[in-house]
Amino acid sequence: MTFYIRPENVPELTGLSKWERRAMLRGTFLKERSISTLVLLGVVLASVNYLVNPLLQQVAPDVRNNSMLYMVILLCWLFLLMWLRDVVLMNMLRPKIAAKRAAIAAKQAADAAV
Protein backbone atom coordinates (compact mmCIF):
# COMPACT_ATOMS: atom_id res chain seq x y z
CA MET A 1 0.00 0.00 0.00
CA THR A 2 1.40 3.35 -1.04
CA PHE A 3 1.93 6.00 1.63
CA TYR A 4 0.96 9.53 0.61
CA ILE A 5 2.14 12.78 2.19
CA ARG A 6 -0.09 15.25 0.35
CA PRO A 7 -3.86 14.85 -0.01
CA GLU A 8 -3.68 15.97 -3.64
CA ASN A 9 -1.86 12.73 -4.50
CA VAL A 10 -4.31 10.33 -2.83
CA PRO A 11 -6.28 8.48 -5.54
CA GLU A 12 -9.40 8.27 -3.36
CA LEU A 13 -9.52 12.07 -3.17
CA THR A 14 -9.03 12.84 -6.87
CA GLY A 15 -11.64 15.05 -8.44
CA LEU A 16 -12.46 16.88 -5.21
CA SER A 17 -11.81 20.55 -4.63
CA LYS A 18 -9.47 21.61 -1.85
CA TRP A 19 -12.43 22.43 0.39
CA GLU A 20 -14.12 19.08 -0.32
CA ARG A 21 -10.88 17.22 0.48
CA ARG A 22 -10.57 19.14 3.72
CA ALA A 23 -14.18 18.40 4.70
CA MET A 24 -13.74 14.73 3.83
CA LEU A 25 -10.51 14.35 5.82
CA ARG A 26 -11.43 16.46 8.83
CA GLY A 27 -15.19 16.40 9.14
CA THR A 28 -16.35 12.97 8.05
CA PHE A 29 -14.61 10.49 10.35
CA LEU A 30 -15.15 12.11 13.73
CA LYS A 31 -14.67 8.93 15.80
CA GLU A 32 -11.25 8.23 14.31
CA ARG A 33 -10.28 11.86 14.57
CA SER A 34 -11.28 12.15 18.24
CA ILE A 35 -9.41 8.97 19.18
CA SER A 36 -6.33 10.17 17.30
CA THR A 37 -6.60 13.53 19.08
CA LEU A 38 -6.47 11.79 22.46
CA VAL A 39 -3.47 9.78 21.31
CA LEU A 40 -1.88 12.98 20.01
CA LEU A 41 -2.41 14.63 23.40
CA GLY A 42 -0.62 11.77 25.15
CA VAL A 43 2.22 11.83 22.62
CA VAL A 44 2.63 15.60 22.96
CA LEU A 45 2.71 15.48 26.77
CA ALA A 46 5.13 12.55 26.87
CA SER A 47 7.40 13.87 24.12
CA VAL A 48 7.68 17.33 25.65
CA ASN A 49 8.54 15.84 29.03
CA TYR A 50 10.90 13.10 27.84
CA LEU A 51 12.24 14.37 24.50
CA VAL A 52 11.97 18.12 23.96
CA ASN A 53 12.86 19.35 27.44
CA PRO A 54 15.92 17.07 27.89
CA LEU A 55 17.10 17.93 24.38
CA LEU A 56 16.72 21.65 25.05
CA GLN A 57 18.52 21.24 28.38
CA GLN A 58 21.52 19.71 26.59
CA VAL A 59 21.61 21.99 23.57
CA ALA A 60 20.54 25.34 25.02
CA PRO A 61 19.86 25.31 28.78
CA ASP A 62 18.69 28.95 28.88
CA VAL A 63 15.91 28.50 26.31
CA ARG A 64 13.38 27.42 28.93
CA ASN A 65 13.94 30.71 30.76
CA ASN A 66 12.98 32.65 27.64
CA SER A 67 9.25 31.99 27.65
CA MET A 68 8.58 33.40 24.17
CA LEU A 69 11.21 31.27 22.41
CA TYR A 70 10.18 28.21 24.44
CA MET A 71 6.55 28.76 23.45
CA VAL A 72 7.50 29.01 19.77
CA ILE A 73 9.48 25.76 19.99
CA LEU A 74 6.60 23.95 21.70
CA LEU A 75 4.06 25.27 19.19
CA CYS A 76 6.24 24.19 16.26
CA TRP A 77 6.56 20.74 17.85
CA LEU A 78 2.78 20.55 18.33
CA PHE A 79 2.07 21.60 14.73
CA LEU A 80 4.57 19.05 13.42
CA LEU A 81 2.90 16.27 15.41
CA MET A 82 -0.55 17.42 14.25
CA TRP A 83 0.60 17.33 10.63
CA LEU A 84 2.03 13.84 11.12
CA ARG A 85 -1.24 12.71 12.70
CA ASP A 86 -3.21 14.06 9.72
CA VAL A 87 -0.91 12.30 7.22
CA VAL A 88 -1.19 8.99 9.08
CA LEU A 89 -4.97 9.30 9.36
CA MET A 90 -5.30 10.18 5.69
CA ASN A 91 -3.44 7.02 4.74
CA MET A 92 -5.20 4.78 7.26
CA LEU A 93 -8.67 5.98 6.23
CA ARG A 94 -8.22 5.49 2.49
CA PRO A 95 -10.60 2.49 2.30
CA LYS A 96 -13.23 4.35 4.33
CA ILE A 97 -12.81 7.42 2.14
CA ALA A 98 -13.37 5.30 -0.97
CA ALA A 99 -16.49 3.73 0.56
CA LYS A 100 -17.84 7.14 1.60
CA ARG A 101 -17.28 8.56 -1.89
CA ALA A 102 -19.04 5.54 -3.41
CA ALA A 103 -22.00 6.06 -1.07
CA ILE A 104 -22.16 9.76 -1.97
CA ALA A 105 -22.02 8.92 -5.69
CA ALA A 106 -24.76 6.30 -5.29
CA LYS A 107 -26.95 8.80 -3.45
CA GLN A 108 -26.42 11.40 -6.15
CA ALA A 109 -27.28 8.86 -8.83
CA ALA A 110 -30.45 7.87 -6.96
CA ASP A 111 -31.43 11.52 -6.55
CA ALA A 112 -30.85 12.15 -10.26
CA ALA A 113 -32.99 9.13 -11.20
CA VAL A 114 -35.95 10.40 -9.18
C-alpha atoms as a PDB file:
ATOM      1  CA  MET A   1       0.000   0.000   0.000  1.00  0.00           C
ATOM      2  CA  THR A   2       1.395   3.349  -1.039  1.00  0.00           C
ATOM      3  CA  PHE A   3       1.926   6.002   1.628  1.00  0.00           C
ATOM      4  CA  TYR A   4       0.964   9.534   0.608  1.00  0.00           C
ATOM      5  CA  ILE A   5       2.144  12.783   2.186  1.00  0.00           C
ATOM      6  CA  ARG A   6      -0.087  15.249   0.349  1.00  0.00           C
ATOM      7  CA  PRO A   7      -3.862  14.850  -0.005  1.00  0.00           C
ATOM      8  CA  GLU A   8      -3.680  15.973  -3.645  1.00  0.00           C
ATOM      9  CA  ASN A   9      -1.860  12.729  -4.500  1.00  0.00           C
ATOM     10  CA  VAL A  10      -4.314  10.331  -2.829  1.00  0.00           C
ATOM     11  CA  PRO A  11      -6.279   8.476  -5.537  1.00  0.00           C
ATOM     12  CA  GLU A  12      -9.403   8.272  -3.361  1.00  0.00           C
ATOM     13  CA  LEU A  13      -9.517  12.066  -3.173  1.00  0.00           C
ATOM     14  CA  THR A  14      -9.028  12.842  -6.872  1.00  0.00           C
ATOM     15  CA  GLY A  15     -11.644  15.046  -8.442  1.00  0.00           C
ATOM     16  CA  LEU A  16     -12.463  16.875  -5.214  1.00  0.00           C
ATOM     17  CA  SER A  17     -11.810  20.547  -4.625  1.00  0.00           C
ATOM     18  CA  LYS A  18      -9.474  21.609  -1.848  1.00  0.00           C
ATOM     19  CA  TRP A  19     -12.429  22.433   0.387  1.00  0.00           C
ATOM     20  CA  GLU A  20     -14.118  19.081  -0.315  1.00  0.00           C
ATOM     21  CA  ARG A  21     -10.879  17.218   0.475  1.00  0.00           C
ATOM     22  CA  ARG A  22     -10.569  19.136   3.724  1.00  0.00           C
ATOM     23  CA  ALA A  23     -14.184  18.396   4.696  1.00  0.00           C
ATOM     24  CA  MET A  24     -13.741  14.728   3.830  1.00  0.00           C
ATOM     25  CA  LEU A  25     -10.514  14.353   5.817  1.00  0.00           C
ATOM     26  CA  ARG A  26     -11.433  16.459   8.830  1.00  0.00           C
ATOM     27  CA  GLY A  27     -15.187  16.396   9.141  1.00  0.00           C
ATOM     28  CA  THR A  28     -16.348  12.973   8.053  1.00  0.00           C
ATOM     29  CA  PHE A  29     -14.608  10.491  10.345  1.00  0.00           C
ATOM     30  CA  LEU A  30     -15.154  12.106  13.733  1.00  0.00           C
ATOM     31  CA  LYS A  31     -14.668   8.934  15.800  1.00  0.00           C
ATOM     32  CA  GLU A  32     -11.249   8.228  14.307  1.00  0.00           C
ATOM     33  CA  ARG A  33     -10.275  11.856  14.571  1.00  0.00           C
ATOM     34  CA  SER A  34     -11.277  12.149  18.238  1.00  0.00           C
ATOM     35  CA  ILE A  35      -9.409   8.969  19.175  1.00  0.00           C
ATOM     36  CA  SER A  36      -6.333  10.172  17.305  1.00  0.00           C
ATOM     37  CA  THR A  37      -6.596  13.528  19.077  1.00  0.00           C
ATOM     38  CA  LEU A  38      -6.474  11.793  22.457  1.00  0.00           C
ATOM     39  CA  VAL A  39      -3.470   9.775  21.309  1.00  0.00           C
ATOM     40  CA  LEU A  40      -1.882  12.983  20.015  1.00  0.00           C
ATOM     41  CA  LEU A  41      -2.413  14.635  23.399  1.00  0.00           C
ATOM     42  CA  GLY A  42      -0.618  11.769  25.147  1.00  0.00           C
ATOM     43  CA  VAL A  43       2.217  11.831  22.615  1.00  0.00           C
ATOM     44  CA  VAL A  44       2.632  15.605  22.963  1.00  0.00           C
ATOM     45  CA  LEU A  45       2.707  15.484  26.768  1.00  0.00           C
ATOM     46  CA  ALA A  46       5.129  12.547  26.869  1.00  0.00           C
ATOM     47  CA  SER A  47       7.401  13.870  24.124  1.00  0.00           C
ATOM     48  CA  VAL A  48       7.679  17.328  25.654  1.00  0.00           C
ATOM     49  CA  ASN A  49       8.535  15.836  29.027  1.00  0.00           C
ATOM     50  CA  TYR A  50      10.905  13.104  27.838  1.00  0.00           C
ATOM     51  CA  LEU A  51      12.236  14.367  24.505  1.00  0.00           C
ATOM     52  CA  VAL A  52      11.971  18.117  23.957  1.00  0.00           C
ATOM     53  CA  ASN A  53      12.862  19.351  27.442  1.00  0.00           C
ATOM     54  CA  PRO A  54      15.924  17.070  27.887  1.00  0.00           C
ATOM     55  CA  LEU A  55      17.101  17.927  24.380  1.00  0.00           C
ATOM     56  CA  LEU A  56      16.719  21.650  25.055  1.00  0.00           C
ATOM     57  CA  GLN A  57      18.515  21.243  28.377  1.00  0.00           C
ATOM     58  CA  GLN A  58      21.517  19.708  26.588  1.00  0.00           C
ATOM     59  CA  VAL A  59      21.606  21.993  23.567  1.00  0.00           C
ATOM     60  CA  ALA A  60      20.540  25.344  25.018  1.00  0.00           C
ATOM     61  CA  PRO A  61      19.862  25.315  28.782  1.00  0.00           C
ATOM     62  CA  ASP A  62      18.694  28.945  28.884  1.00  0.00           C
ATOM     63  CA  VAL A  63      15.910  28.496  26.315  1.00  0.00           C
ATOM     64  CA  ARG A  64      13.378  27.417  28.926  1.00  0.00           C
ATOM     65  CA  ASN A  65      13.944  30.706  30.764  1.00  0.00           C
ATOM     66  CA  ASN A  66      12.983  32.651  27.636  1.00  0.00           C
ATOM     67  CA  SER A  67       9.254  31.987  27.646  1.00  0.00           C
ATOM     68  CA  MET A  68       8.585  33.398  24.166  1.00  0.00           C
ATOM     69  CA  LEU A  69      11.206  31.270  22.406  1.00  0.00           C
ATOM     70  CA  TYR A  70      10.181  28.207  24.439  1.00  0.00           C
ATOM     71  CA  MET A  71       6.545  28.761  23.453  1.00  0.00           C
ATOM     72  CA  VAL A  72       7.495  29.013  19.767  1.00  0.00           C
ATOM     73  CA  ILE A  73       9.481  25.760  19.993  1.00  0.00           C
ATOM     74  CA  LEU A  74       6.604  23.949  21.701  1.00  0.00           C
ATOM     75  CA  LEU A  75       4.056  25.269  19.190  1.00  0.00           C
ATOM     76  CA  CYS A  76       6.238  24.186  16.264  1.00  0.00           C
ATOM     77  CA  TRP A  77       6.556  20.737  17.850  1.00  0.00           C
ATOM     78  CA  LEU A  78       2.776  20.545  18.330  1.00  0.00           C
ATOM     79  CA  PHE A  79       2.067  21.599  14.730  1.00  0.00           C
ATOM     80  CA  LEU A  80       4.574  19.048  13.420  1.00  0.00           C
ATOM     81  CA  LEU A  81       2.902  16.272  15.407  1.00  0.00           C
ATOM     82  CA  MET A  82      -0.553  17.418  14.251  1.00  0.00           C
ATOM     83  CA  TRP A  83       0.600  17.331  10.626  1.00  0.00           C
ATOM     84  CA  LEU A  84       2.035  13.836  11.118  1.00  0.00           C
ATOM     85  CA  ARG A  85      -1.240  12.713  12.695  1.00  0.00           C
ATOM     86  CA  ASP A  86      -3.210  14.057   9.717  1.00  0.00           C
ATOM     87  CA  VAL A  87      -0.912  12.300   7.220  1.00  0.00           C
ATOM     88  CA  VAL A  88      -1.188   8.989   9.077  1.00  0.00           C
ATOM     89  CA  LEU A  89      -4.972   9.301   9.361  1.00  0.00           C
ATOM     90  CA  MET A  90      -5.304  10.178   5.690  1.00  0.00           C
ATOM     91  CA  ASN A  91      -3.443   7.020   4.739  1.00  0.00           C
ATOM     92  CA  MET A  92      -5.203   4.780   7.256  1.00  0.00           C
ATOM     93  CA  LEU A  93      -8.667   5.977   6.233  1.00  0.00           C
ATOM     94  CA  ARG A  94      -8.217   5.493   2.489  1.00  0.00           C
ATOM     95  CA  PRO A  95     -10.600   2.488   2.305  1.00  0.00           C
ATOM     96  CA  LYS A  96     -13.231   4.350   4.326  1.00  0.00           C
ATOM     97  CA  ILE A  97     -12.809   7.422   2.138  1.00  0.00           C
ATOM     98  CA  ALA A  98     -13.373   5.305  -0.973  1.00  0.00           C
ATOM     99  CA  ALA A  99     -16.494   3.730   0.564  1.00  0.00           C
ATOM    100  CA  LYS A 100     -17.838   7.136   1.600  1.00  0.00           C
ATOM    101  CA  ARG A 101     -17.279   8.560  -1.887  1.00  0.00           C
ATOM    102  CA  ALA A 102     -19.043   5.536  -3.409  1.00  0.00           C
ATOM    103  CA  ALA A 103     -21.996   6.065  -1.070  1.00  0.00           C
ATOM    104  CA  ILE A 104     -22.160   9.758  -1.974  1.00  0.00           C
ATOM    105  CA  ALA A 105     -22.019   8.921  -5.692  1.00  0.00           C
ATOM    106  CA  ALA A 106     -24.761   6.300  -5.293  1.00  0.00           C
ATOM    107  CA  LYS A 107     -26.952   8.803  -3.450  1.00  0.00           C
ATOM    108  CA  GLN A 108     -26.422  11.404  -6.147  1.00  0.00           C
ATOM    109  CA  ALA A 109     -27.283   8.860  -8.830  1.00  0.00           C
ATOM    110  CA  ALA A 110     -30.454   7.866  -6.956  1.00  0.00           C
ATOM    111  CA  ASP A 111     -31.434  11.519  -6.552  1.00  0.00           C
ATOM    112  CA  ALA A 112     -30.846  12.145 -10.256  1.00  0.00           C
ATOM    113  CA  ALA A 113     -32.986   9.131 -11.202  1.00  0.00           C
ATOM    114  CA  VAL A 114     -35.946  10.396  -9.182  1.00  0.00           C
END
